[in-house]
Amino acid sequence: MIDALINGKLIRDPALKTSTNGTLYCQFMLSVSVNEPQPIVVSGIAFNESAERIAKLKKGDALAVTGSLKPSEWIDKATGETKHGLNVTVSDCLTAYDVKKRRAAV
């Protein structure tokens, strides 16, 4: 795995869920702009406090996360093609709301 800092915009609304053992988690997808014609899509999962913070966001909101990045591969059911992607397991996050709160405290 690779330690990464990823900054992008949410593709859809994240939702806070609870696992069978009671752990809070939130799955999300980020569109990350790079020097390519198309942005890269990174799927992610966050737990506990980070999950709660991310779950407050909506589609289109900016999000920066740090965590373990892992490549993924799957077969597209419609085309049969092998697709590649990136998954991040969040260790910490920063949202626009966090920045606003910190600025107000100064």
PDB file of N, CA and C in Angstrom:
ATOM      1  N   MET A   1       0.830  -1.188   0.000  1.00  0.00           N
ATOM      2  CA  MET A   1       0.000   0.000   0.000  1.00  0.00           C
ATOM      3  C   MET A   1       0.877   1.255   0.000  1.00  0.00           C
ATOM      4  N   ILE A   2       0.286   2.342  -0.427  1.00  0.00           N
ATOM      5  CA  ILE A   2       0.980   3.610  -0.555  1.00  0.00           C
ATOM      6  C   ILE A   2       0.288   4.632   0.345  1.00  0.00           C
ATOM      7  N   ASP A   3       1.069   5.385   1.139  1.00  0.00           N
ATOM      8  CA  ASP A   3       0.498   6.489   1.907  1.00  0.00           C
ATOM      9  C   ASP A   3       0.239   7.631   0.939  1.00  0.00           C
ATOM     10  N   ALA A   4      -0.957   8.237   1.014  1.00  0.00           N
ATOM     11  CA  ALA A   4      -1.329   9.247   0.038  1.00  0.00           C
ATOM     12  C   ALA A   4      -2.089  10.399   0.674  1.00  0.00           C
ATOM     13  N   LEU A   5      -1.983  11.556   0.036  1.00  0.00           N
ATOM     14  CA  LEU A   5      -2.794  12.732   0.330  1.00  0.00           C
ATOM     15  C   LEU A   5      -3.581  12.993  -0.946  1.00  0.00           C
ATOM     16  N   ILE A   6      -4.902  12.938  -0.846  1.00  0.00           N
ATOM     17  CA  ILE A   6      -5.765  13.055  -2.022  1.00  0.00           C
ATOM     18  C   ILE A   6      -6.767  14.167  -1.796  1.00  0.00           C
ATOM     19  N   ASN A   7      -6.899  15.035  -2.799  1.00  0.00           N
ATOM     20  CA  ASN A   7      -7.822  16.158  -2.731  1.00  0.00           C
ATOM     21  C   ASN A   7      -8.724  16.099  -3.952  1.00  0.00           C
ATOM     22  N   GLY A   8     -10.033  16.127  -3.736  1.00  0.00           N
ATOM     23  CA  GLY A   8     -10.954  16.085  -4.854  1.00  0.00           C
ATOM     24  C   GLY A   8     -12.338  16.537  -4.457  1.00  0.00           C
ATOM     25  N   LYS A   9     -13.298  16.255  -5.328  1.00  0.00           N
ATOM     26  CA  LYS A   9     -14.695  16.605  -5.070  1.00  0.00           C
ATOM     27  C   LYS A   9     -15.531  15.342  -5.052  1.00  0.00           C
ATOM     28  N   LEU A  10     -16.510  15.322  -4.152  1.00  0.00           N
ATOM     29  CA  LEU A  10     -17.371  14.151  -4.025  1.00  0.00           C
ATOM     30  C   LEU A  10     -18.250  13.986  -5.263  1.00  0.00           C
ATOM     31  N   ILE A  11     -18.324  12.772  -5.766  1.00  0.00           N
ATOM     32  CA  ILE A  11     -19.126  12.458  -6.945  1.00  0.00           C
ATOM     33  C   ILE A  11     -20.585  12.241  -6.571  1.00  0.00           C
ATOM     34  N   ARG A  12     -20.828  11.758  -5.358  1.00  0.00           N
ATOM     35  CA  ARG A  12     -22.201  11.550  -4.868  1.00  0.00           C
ATOM     36  C   ARG A  12     -22.214  11.773  -3.358  1.00  0.00           C
ATOM     37  N   ASP A  13     -23.404  11.858  -2.805  1.00  0.00           N
ATOM     38  CA  ASP A  13     -23.531  12.057  -1.367  1.00  0.00           C
ATOM     39  C   ASP A  13     -23.014  10.829  -0.616  1.00  0.00           C
ATOM     40  N   PRO A  14     -22.126  11.024   0.352  1.00  0.00           N
ATOM     41  CA  PRO A  14     -21.716   9.896   1.197  1.00  0.00           C
ATOM     42  C   PRO A  14     -22.797   9.614   2.230  1.00  0.00           C
ATOM     43  N   ALA A  15     -22.802   8.399   2.769  1.00  0.00           N
ATOM     44  CA  ALA A  15     -23.799   8.042   3.780  1.00  0.00           C
ATOM     45  C   ALA A  15     -23.109   7.328   4.933  1.00  0.00           C
ATOM     46  N   LEU A  16     -23.472   7.717   6.128  1.00  0.00           N
ATOM     47  CA  LEU A  16     -22.930   7.100   7.331  1.00  0.00           C
ATOM     48  C   LEU A  16     -23.667   5.796   7.596  1.00  0.00           C
ATOM     49  N   LYS A  17     -22.915   4.724   7.829  1.00  0.00           N
ATOM     50  CA  LYS A  17     -23.497   3.410   8.095  1.00  0.00           C
ATOM     51  C   LYS A  17     -22.829   2.818   9.332  1.00  0.00           C
ATOM     52  N   THR A  18     -23.428   1.783   9.856  1.00  0.00           N
ATOM     53  CA  THR A  18     -22.884   1.077  11.016  1.00  0.00           C
ATOM     54  C   THR A  18     -22.684  -0.382  10.648  1.00  0.00           C
ATOM     55  N   SER A  19     -21.482  -0.907  10.919  1.00  0.00           N
ATOM     56  CA  SER A  19     -21.193  -2.311  10.630  1.00  0.00           C
ATOM     57  C   SER A  19     -21.915  -3.203  11.646  1.00  0.00           C
ATOM     58  N   THR A  20     -21.895  -4.501  11.414  1.00  0.00           N
ATOM     59  CA  THR A  20     -22.557  -5.436  12.317  1.00  0.00           C
ATOM     60  C   THR A  20     -21.936  -5.438  13.713  1.00  0.00           C
ATOM     61  N   ASN A  21     -20.654  -5.020  13.803  1.00  0.00           N
ATOM     62  CA  ASN A  21     -20.022  -4.960  15.128  1.00  0.00           C
ATOM     63  C   ASN A  21     -20.116  -3.572  15.762  1.00  0.00           C
ATOM     64  N   GLY A  22     -20.887  -2.659  15.135  1.00  0.00           N
ATOM     65  CA  GLY A  22     -21.128  -1.348  15.722  1.00  0.00           C
ATOM     66  C   GLY A  22     -20.169  -0.247  15.309  1.00  0.00           C
ATOM     67  N   THR A  23     -19.257  -0.521  14.382  1.00  0.00           N
ATOM     68  CA  THR A  23     -18.305   0.491  13.919  1.00  0.00           C
ATOM     69  C   THR A  23     -18.961   1.384  12.875  1.00  0.00           C
ATOM     70  N   LEU A  24     -18.826   2.707  13.049  1.00  0.00           N
ATOM     71  CA  LEU A  24     -19.326   3.652  12.053  1.00  0.00           C
ATOM     72  C   LEU A  24     -18.379   3.666  10.860  1.00  0.00           C
ATOM     73  N   TYR A  25     -18.966   3.718   9.645  1.00  0.00           N
ATOM     74  CA  TYR A  25     -18.139   3.846   8.449  1.00  0.00           C
ATOM     75  C   TYR A  25     -18.893   4.630   7.386  1.00  0.00           C
ATOM     76  N   CYS A  26     -18.128   5.155   6.450  1.00  0.00           N
ATOM     77  CA  CYS A  26     -18.693   5.951   5.370  1.00  0.00           C
ATOM     78  C   CYS A  26     -17.912   5.635   4.096  1.00  0.00           C
ATOM     79  N   GLN A  27     -18.622   5.244   3.048  1.00  0.00           N
ATOM     80  CA  GLN A  27     -17.997   5.028   1.754  1.00  0.00           C
ATOM     81  C   GLN A  27     -18.272   6.246   0.885  1.00  0.00           C
ATOM     82  N   PHE A  28     -17.293   6.597   0.041  1.00  0.00           N
ATOM     83  CA  PHE A  28     -17.436   7.787  -0.799  1.00  0.00           C
ATOM     84  C   PHE A  28     -16.628   7.613  -2.069  1.00  0.00           C
ATOM     85  N   MET A  29     -16.892   8.496  -3.040  1.00  0.00           N
ATOM     86  CA  MET A  29     -16.127   8.507  -4.281  1.00  0.00           C
ATOM     87  C   MET A  29     -15.712   9.937  -4.583  1.00  0.00           C
ATOM     88  N   LEU A  30     -14.419  10.101  -4.894  1.00  0.00           N
ATOM     89  CA  LEU A  30     -13.861  11.412  -5.210  1.00  0.00           C
ATOM     90  C   LEU A  30     -13.464  11.486  -6.672  1.00  0.00           C
ATOM     91  N   SER A  31     -13.714  12.629  -7.283  1.00  0.00           N
ATOM     92  CA  SER A  31     -13.190  12.942  -8.602  1.00  0.00           C
ATOM     93  C   SER A  31     -11.945  13.793  -8.369  1.00  0.00           C
ATOM     94  N   VAL A  32     -10.795  13.297  -8.831  1.00  0.00           N
ATOM     95  CA  VAL A  32      -9.518  13.958  -8.571  1.00  0.00           C
ATOM     96  C   VAL A  32      -8.945  14.440  -9.894  1.00  0.00           C
ATOM     97  N   SER A  33      -8.746  15.762 -10.019  1.00  0.00           N
ATOM     98  CA  SER A  33      -8.188  16.335 -11.236  1.00  0.00           C
ATOM     99  C   SER A  33      -6.676  16.145 -11.259  1.00  0.00           C
ATOM    100  N   VAL A  34      -6.205  15.657 -12.370  1.00  0.00           N
ATOM    101  CA  VAL A  34      -4.769  15.507 -12.612  1.00  0.00           C
ATOM    102  C   VAL A  34      -4.497  16.090 -13.994  1.00  0.00           C
ATOM    103  N   ASN A  35      -3.275  16.100 -14.412  1.00  0.00           N
ATOM    104  CA  ASN A  35      -2.951  16.656 -15.729  1.00  0.00           C
ATOM    105  C   ASN A  35      -3.287  15.677 -16.837  1.00  0.00           C
ATOM    106  N   GLU A  36      -4.536  15.247 -16.871  1.00  0.00           N
ATOM    107  CA  GLU A  36      -5.063  14.320 -17.864  1.00  0.00           C
ATOM    108  C   GLU A  36      -6.389  14.889 -18.361  1.00  0.00           C
ATOM    109  N   PRO A  37      -6.840  14.442 -19.522  1.00  0.00           N
ATOM    110  CA  PRO A  37      -8.145  14.926 -20.009  1.00  0.00           C
ATOM    111  C   PRO A  37      -9.300  14.571 -19.077  1.00  0.00           C
ATOM    112  N   GLN A  38      -9.250  13.398 -18.467  1.00  0.00           N
ATOM    113  CA  GLN A  38     -10.307  12.944 -17.572  1.00  0.00           C
ATOM    114  C   GLN A  38      -9.799  12.888 -16.130  1.00  0.00           C
ATOM    115  N   PRO A  39     -10.644  13.267 -15.164  1.00  0.00           N
ATOM    116  CA  PRO A  39     -10.232  13.125 -13.759  1.00  0.00           C
ATOM    117  C   PRO A  39     -10.166  11.649 -13.371  1.00  0.00           C
ATOM    118  N   ILE A  40      -9.432  11.359 -12.316  1.00  0.00           N
ATOM    119  CA  ILE A  40      -9.347  10.012 -11.771  1.00  0.00           C
ATOM    120  C   ILE A  40     -10.412   9.877 -10.693  1.00  0.00           C
ATOM    121  N   VAL A  41     -11.068   8.732 -10.656  1.00  0.00           N
ATOM    122  CA  VAL A  41     -12.060   8.456  -9.621  1.00  0.00           C
ATOM    123  C   VAL A  41     -11.394   7.580  -8.561  1.00  0.00           C
ATOM    124  N   VAL A  42     -11.466   8.033  -7.321  1.00  0.00           N
ATOM    125  CA  VAL A  42     -10.907   7.292  -6.190  1.00  0.00           C
ATOM    126  C   VAL A  42     -12.051   6.958  -5.247  1.00  0.00           C
ATOM    127  N   SER A  43     -12.223   5.678  -4.956  1.00  0.00           N
ATOM    128  CA  SER A  43     -13.239   5.294  -3.975  1.00  0.00           C
ATOM    129  C   SER A  43     -12.573   5.191  -2.614  1.00  0.00           C
ATOM    130  N   GLY A  44     -13.324   5.512  -1.571  1.00  0.00           N
ATOM    131  CA  GLY A  44     -12.728   5.516  -0.246  1.00  0.00           C
ATOM    132  C   GLY A  44     -13.674   5.023   0.827  1.00  0.00           C
ATOM    133  N   ILE A  45     -13.063   4.697   1.950  1.00  0.00           N
ATOM    134  CA  ILE A  45     -13.826   4.311   3.125  1.00  0.00           C
ATOM    135  C   ILE A  45     -13.165   4.951   4.337  1.00  0.00           C
ATOM    136  N   ALA A  46     -13.989   5.488   5.217  1.00  0.00           N
ATOM    137  CA  ALA A  46     -13.515   6.119   6.452  1.00  0.00           C
ATOM    138  C   ALA A  46     -14.278   5.508   7.617  1.00  0.00           C
ATOM    139  N   PHE A  47     -13.661   5.529   8.779  1.00  0.00           N
ATOM    140  CA  PHE A  47     -14.266   4.932   9.964  1.00  0.00           C
ATOM    141  C   PHE A  47     -14.370   5.950  11.095  1.00  0.00           C
ATOM    142  N   ASN A  48     -15.315   5.708  11.987  1.00  0.00           N
ATOM    143  CA  ASN A  48     -15.492   6.447  13.238  1.00  0.00           C
ATOM    144  C   ASN A  48     -15.587   7.954  13.023  1.00  0.00           C
ATOM    145  N   GLU A  49     -14.720   8.765  13.663  1.00  0.00           N
ATOM    146  CA  GLU A  49     -14.828  10.223  13.606  1.00  0.00           C
ATOM    147  C   GLU A  49     -14.704  10.756  12.175  1.00  0.00           C
ATOM    148  N   SER A  50     -13.751  10.237  11.410  1.00  0.00           N
ATOM    149  CA  SER A  50     -13.602  10.680  10.015  1.00  0.00           C
ATOM    150  C   SER A  50     -14.858  10.359   9.213  1.00  0.00           C
ATOM    151  N   ALA A  51     -15.446   9.197   9.460  1.00  0.00           N
ATOM    152  CA  ALA A  51     -16.679   8.816   8.763  1.00  0.00           C
ATOM    153  C   ALA A  51     -17.805   9.796   9.073  1.00  0.00           C
ATOM    154  N   GLU A  52     -17.937  10.196  10.327  1.00  0.00           N
ATOM    155  CA  GLU A  52     -18.980  11.142  10.714  1.00  0.00           C
ATOM    156  C   GLU A  52     -18.785  12.491  10.032  1.00  0.00           C
ATOM    157  N   ARG A  53     -17.538  12.949   9.950  1.00  0.00           N
ATOM    158  CA  ARG A  53     -17.254  14.245   9.316  1.00  0.00           C
ATOM    159  C   ARG A  53     -17.531  14.209   7.816  1.00  0.00           C
ATOM    160  N   ILE A  54     -17.119  13.140   7.151  1.00  0.00           N
ATOM    161  CA  ILE A  54     -17.337  13.024   5.710  1.00  0.00           C
ATOM    162  C   ILE A  54     -18.816  12.873   5.392  1.00  0.00           C
ATOM    163  N   ALA A  55     -19.554  12.174   6.238  1.00  0.00           N
ATOM    164  CA  ALA A  55     -20.986  11.939   6.003  1.00  0.00           C
ATOM    165  C   ALA A  55     -21.803  13.232   6.021  1.00  0.00           C
ATOM    166  N   LYS A  56     -21.276  14.292   6.595  1.00  0.00           N
ATOM    167  CA  LYS A  56     -21.975  15.584   6.628  1.00  0.00           C
ATOM    168  C   LYS A  56     -21.878  16.317   5.296  1.00  0.00           C
ATOM    169  N   LEU A  57     -21.006  15.860   4.401  1.00  0.00           N
ATOM    170  CA  LEU A  57     -20.790  16.521   3.117  1.00  0.00           C
ATOM    171  C   LEU A  57     -21.828  16.075   2.088  1.00  0.00           C
ATOM    172  N   LYS A  58     -21.860  16.784   0.982  1.00  0.00           N
ATOM    173  CA  LYS A  58     -22.784  16.491  -0.116  1.00  0.00           C
ATOM    174  C   LYS A  58     -22.012  16.390  -1.428  1.00  0.00           C
ATOM    175  N   LYS A  59     -22.675  15.858  -2.431  1.00  0.00           N
ATOM    176  CA  LYS A  59     -22.110  15.760  -3.773  1.00  0.00           C
ATOM    177  C   LYS A  59     -21.570  17.131  -4.201  1.00  0.00           C
ATOM    178  N   GLY A  60     -20.335  17.155  -4.740  1.00  0.00           N
ATOM    179  CA  GLY A  60     -19.721  18.394  -5.207  1.00  0.00           C
ATOM    180  C   GLY A  60     -18.842  19.082  -4.180  1.00  0.00           C
ATOM    181  N   ASP A  61     -18.962  18.705  -2.901  1.00  0.00           N
ATOM    182  CA  ASP A  61     -18.127  19.301  -1.857  1.00  0.00           C
ATOM    183  C   ASP A  61     -16.684  18.835  -1.998  1.00  0.00           C
ATOM    184  N   ALA A  62     -15.754  19.728  -1.642  1.00  0.00           N
ATOM    185  CA  ALA A  62     -14.333  19.401  -1.664  1.00  0.00           C
ATOM    186  C   ALA A  62     -13.972  18.591  -0.423  1.00  0.00           C
ATOM    187  N   LEU A  63     -13.029  17.669  -0.607  1.00  0.00           N
ATOM    188  CA  LEU A  63     -12.577  16.823   0.488  1.00  0.00           C
ATOM    189  C   LEU A  63     -11.116  16.473   0.268  1.00  0.00           C
ATOM    190  N   ALA A  64     -10.329  16.584   1.328  1.00  0.00           N
ATOM    191  CA  ALA A  64      -8.939  16.138   1.306  1.00  0.00           C
ATOM    192  C   ALA A  64      -8.798  15.026   2.337  1.00  0.00           C
ATOM    193  N   VAL A  65      -8.181  13.916   1.931  1.00  0.00           N
ATOM    194  CA  VAL A  65      -7.998  12.784   2.829  1.00  0.00           C
ATOM    195  C   VAL A  65      -6.549  12.311   2.782  1.00  0.00           C
ATOM    196  N   THR A  66      -6.105  11.750   3.892  1.00  0.00           N
ATOM    197  CA  THR A  66      -4.839  11.024   3.912  1.00  0.00           C
ATOM    198  C   THR A  66      -5.169   9.590   4.268  1.00  0.00           C
ATOM    199  N   GLY A  67      -4.356   8.681   3.778  1.00  0.00           N
ATOM    200  CA  GLY A  67      -4.590   7.284   4.085  1.00  0.00           C
ATOM    201  C   GLY A  67      -3.802   6.357   3.212  1.00  0.00           C
ATOM    202  N   SER A  68      -4.154   5.095   3.284  1.00  0.00           N
ATOM    203  CA  SER A  68      -3.487   4.048   2.513  1.00  0.00           C
ATOM    204  C   SER A  68      -4.184   3.876   1.172  1.00  0.00           C
ATOM    205  N   LEU A  69      -3.419   4.034   0.109  1.00  0.00           N
ATOM    206  CA  LEU A  69      -3.943   3.935  -1.252  1.00  0.00           C
ATOM    207  C   LEU A  69      -3.584   2.566  -1.821  1.00  0.00           C
ATOM    208  N   LYS A  70      -4.576   1.939  -2.441  1.00  0.00           N
ATOM    209  CA  LYS A  70      -4.353   0.611  -2.998  1.00  0.00           C
ATOM    210  C   LYS A  70      -5.005   0.533  -4.374  1.00  0.00           C
ATOM    211  N   PRO A  71      -4.276   0.031  -5.373  1.00  0.00           N
ATOM    212  CA  PRO A  71      -4.899  -0.133  -6.695  1.00  0.00           C
ATOM    213  C   PRO A  71      -5.920  -1.267  -6.663  1.00  0.00           C
ATOM    214  N   SER A  72      -6.937  -1.164  -7.510  1.00  0.00           N
ATOM    215  CA  SER A  72      -7.945  -2.221  -7.600  1.00  0.00           C
ATOM    216  C   SER A  72      -8.176  -2.566  -9.066  1.00  0.00           C
ATOM    217  N   GLU A  73      -8.768  -3.716  -9.284  1.00  0.00           N
ATOM    218  CA  GLU A  73      -9.029  -4.195 -10.638  1.00  0.00           C
ATOM    219  C   GLU A  73     -10.318  -4.996 -10.627  1.00  0.00           C
ATOM    220  N   TRP A  74     -11.134  -4.834 -11.649  1.00  0.00           N
ATOM    221  CA  TRP A  74     -12.383  -5.571 -11.744  1.00  0.00           C
ATOM    222  C   TRP A  74     -12.764  -5.730 -13.211  1.00  0.00           C
ATOM    223  N   ILE A  75     -13.701  -6.627 -13.457  1.00  0.00           N
ATOM    224  CA  ILE A  75     -14.209  -6.864 -14.808  1.00  0.00           C
ATOM    225  C   ILE A  75     -15.530  -6.117 -14.955  1.00  0.00           C
ATOM    226  N   ASP A  76     -15.621  -5.239 -15.956  1.00  0.00           N
ATOM    227  CA  ASP A  76     -16.844  -4.500 -16.243  1.00  0.00           C
ATOM    228  C   ASP A  76     -17.879  -5.503 -16.764  1.00  0.00           C
ATOM    229  N   LYS A  77     -19.011  -5.597 -16.078  1.00  0.00           N
ATOM    230  CA  LYS A  77     -20.047  -6.581 -16.445  1.00  0.00           C
ATOM    231  C   LYS A  77     -20.647  -6.295 -17.818  1.00  0.00           C
ATOM    232  N   ALA A  78     -20.738  -5.022 -18.184  1.00  0.00           N
ATOM    233  CA  ALA A  78     -21.365  -4.655 -19.452  1.00  0.00           C
ATOM    234  C   ALA A  78     -20.461  -4.943 -20.650  1.00  0.00           C
ATOM    235  N   THR A  79     -19.157  -4.677 -20.506  1.00  0.00           N
ATOM    236  CA  THR A  79     -18.241  -4.794 -21.644  1.00  0.00           C
ATOM    237  C   THR A  79     -17.298  -5.991 -21.554  1.00  0.00           C
ATOM    238  N   GLY A  80     -17.124  -6.534 -20.351  1.00  0.00           N
ATOM    239  CA  GLY A  80     -16.173  -7.621 -20.165  1.00  0.00           C
ATOM    240  C   GLY A  80     -14.728  -7.150 -20.071  1.00  0.00           C
ATOM    241  N   GLU A  81     -14.530  -5.825 -20.134  1.00  0.00           N
ATOM    242  CA  GLU A  81     -13.182  -5.252 -20.062  1.00  0.00           C
ATOM    243  C   GLU A  81     -12.670  -5.234 -18.627  1.00  0.00           C
ATOM    244  N   THR A  82     -11.351  -5.344 -18.486  1.00  0.00           N
ATOM    245  CA  THR A  82     -10.720  -5.189 -17.184  1.00  0.00           C
ATOM    246  C   THR A  82     -10.573  -3.695 -16.907  1.00  0.00           C
ATOM    247  N   LYS A  83     -11.072  -3.264 -15.771  1.00  0.00           N
ATOM    248  CA  LYS A  83     -10.999  -1.858 -15.354  1.00  0.00           C
ATOM    249  C   LYS A  83     -10.045  -1.737 -14.175  1.00  0.00           C
ATOM    250  N   HIS A  84      -9.457  -0.559 -14.031  1.00  0.00           N
ATOM    251  CA  HIS A  84      -8.515  -0.299 -12.944  1.00  0.00           C
ATOM    252  C   HIS A  84      -8.976   0.919 -12.161  1.00  0.00           C
ATOM    253  N   GLY A  85      -8.713   0.927 -10.863  1.00  0.00           N
ATOM    254  CA  GLY A  85      -9.095   2.051 -10.025  1.00  0.00           C
ATOM    255  C   GLY A  85      -8.193   2.159  -8.818  1.00  0.00           C
ATOM    256  N   LEU A  86      -8.543   3.080  -7.960  1.00  0.00           N
ATOM    257  CA  LEU A  86      -7.797   3.312  -6.727  1.00  0.00           C
ATOM    258  C   LEU A  86      -8.768   3.352  -5.556  1.00  0.00           C
ATOM    259  N   ASN A  87      -8.361   2.750  -4.445  1.00  0.00           N
ATOM    260  CA  ASN A  87      -9.135   2.772  -3.210  1.00  0.00           C
ATOM    261  C   ASN A  87      -8.276   3.369  -2.109  1.00  0.00           C
ATOM    262  N   VAL A  88      -8.883   4.193  -1.266  1.00  0.00           N
ATOM    263  CA  VAL A  88      -8.165   4.764  -0.132  1.00  0.00           C
ATOM    264  C   VAL A  88      -8.913   4.433   1.156  1.00  0.00           C
ATOM    265  N   THR A  89      -8.153   3.993   2.158  1.00  0.00           N
ATOM    266  CA  THR A  89      -8.681   3.807   3.505  1.00  0.00           C
ATOM    267  C   THR A  89      -8.203   5.004   4.311  1.00  0.00           C
ATOM    268  N   VAL A  90      -9.131   5.829   4.745  1.00  0.00           N
ATOM    269  CA  VAL A  90      -8.830   7.130   5.337  1.00  0.00           C
ATOM    270  C   VAL A  90      -8.260   7.000   6.752  1.00  0.00           C
ATOM    271  N   SER A  91      -7.167   7.741   6.992  1.00  0.00           N
ATOM    272  CA  SER A  91      -6.646   7.862   8.354  1.00  0.00           C
ATOM    273  C   SER A  91      -7.002   9.224   8.934  1.00  0.00           C
ATOM    274  N   ASP A  92      -7.188  10.246   8.066  1.00  0.00           N
ATOM    275  CA  ASP A  92      -7.613  11.576   8.509  1.00  0.00           C
ATOM    276  C   ASP A  92      -8.208  12.319   7.324  1.00  0.00           C
ATOM    277  N   CYS A  93      -9.020  13.327   7.619  1.00  0.00           N
ATOM    278  CA  CYS A  93      -9.637  14.100   6.548  1.00  0.00           C
ATOM    279  C   CYS A  93      -9.727  15.567   6.932  1.00  0.00           C
ATOM    280  N   LEU A  94      -9.881  16.397   5.903  1.00  0.00           N
ATOM    281  CA  LEU A  94     -10.054  17.830   6.087  1.00  0.00           C
ATOM    282  C   LEU A  94     -11.140  18.282   5.123  1.00  0.00           C
ATOM    283  N   THR A  95     -12.159  18.938   5.669  1.00  0.00           N
ATOM    284  CA  THR A  95     -13.253  19.442   4.852  1.00  0.00           C
ATOM    285  C   THR A  95     -13.273  20.965   4.917  1.00  0.00           C
ATOM    286  N   ALA A  96     -14.030  21.569   4.025  1.00  0.00           N
ATOM    287  CA  ALA A  96     -14.177  23.029   4.048  1.00  0.00           C
ATOM    288  C   ALA A  96     -14.795  23.477   5.364  1.00  0.00           C
ATOM    289  N   TYR A  97     -15.656  22.653   5.937  1.00  0.00           N
ATOM    290  CA  TYR A  97     -16.287  22.982   7.215  1.00  0.00           C
ATOM    291  C   TYR A  97     -15.253  23.002   8.338  1.00  0.00           C
ATOM    292  N   ASP A  98     -14.282  22.090   8.281  1.00  0.00           N
ATOM    293  CA  ASP A  98     -13.210  22.073   9.279  1.00  0.00           C
ATOM    294  C   ASP A  98     -12.392  23.355   9.210  1.00  0.00           C
ATOM    295  N   VAL A  99     -12.078  23.794   7.989  1.00  0.00           N
ATOM    296  CA  VAL A  99     -11.287  25.012   7.792  1.00  0.00           C
ATOM    297  C   VAL A  99     -12.054  26.217   8.322  1.00  0.00           C
ATOM    298  N   LYS A 100     -13.337  26.312   7.992  1.00  0.00           N
ATOM    299  CA  LYS A 100     -14.170  27.427   8.449  1.00  0.00           C
ATOM    300  C   LYS A 100     -14.233  27.466   9.985  1.00  0.00           C
ATOM    301  N   LYS A 101     -14.377  26.304  10.598  1.00  0.00           N
ATOM    302  CA  LYS A 101     -14.445  26.221  12.054  1.00  0.00           C
ATOM    303  C   LYS A 101     -13.126  26.671  12.691  1.00  0.00           C
ATOM    304  N   ARG A 102     -12.010  26.252  12.122  1.00  0.00           N
ATOM    305  CA  ARG A 102     -10.709  26.639  12.644  1.00  0.00           C
ATOM    306  C   ARG A 102     -10.458  28.138  12.493  1.00  0.00           C
ATOM    307  N   ARG A 103     -10.881  28.704  11.372  1.00  0.00           N
ATOM    308  CA  ARG A 103     -10.703  30.138  11.149  1.00  0.00           C
ATOM    309  C   ARG A 103     -11.554  30.954  12.120  1.00  0.00           C
ATOM    310  N   ALA A 104     -12.744  30.470  12.421  1.00  0.00           N
ATOM    311  CA  ALA A 104     -13.632  31.174  13.344  1.00  0.00           C
ATOM    312  C   ALA A 104     -13.076  31.146  14.763  1.00  0.00           C
ATOM    313  N   ALA A 105     -12.309  30.119  15.100  1.00  0.00           N
ATOM    314  CA  ALA A 105     -11.757  29.976  16.451  1.00  0.00           C
ATOM    315  C   ALA A 105     -10.567  30.898  16.690  1.00  0.00           C
ATOM    316  N   VAL A 106      -9.997  31.444  15.614  1.00  0.00           N
ATOM    317  CA  VAL A 106      -8.801  32.309  15.756  1.00  0.00           C
ATOM    318  C   VAL A 106      -9.174  33.713  16.111  1.00  0.00           C
TER     319      VAL A 106
END
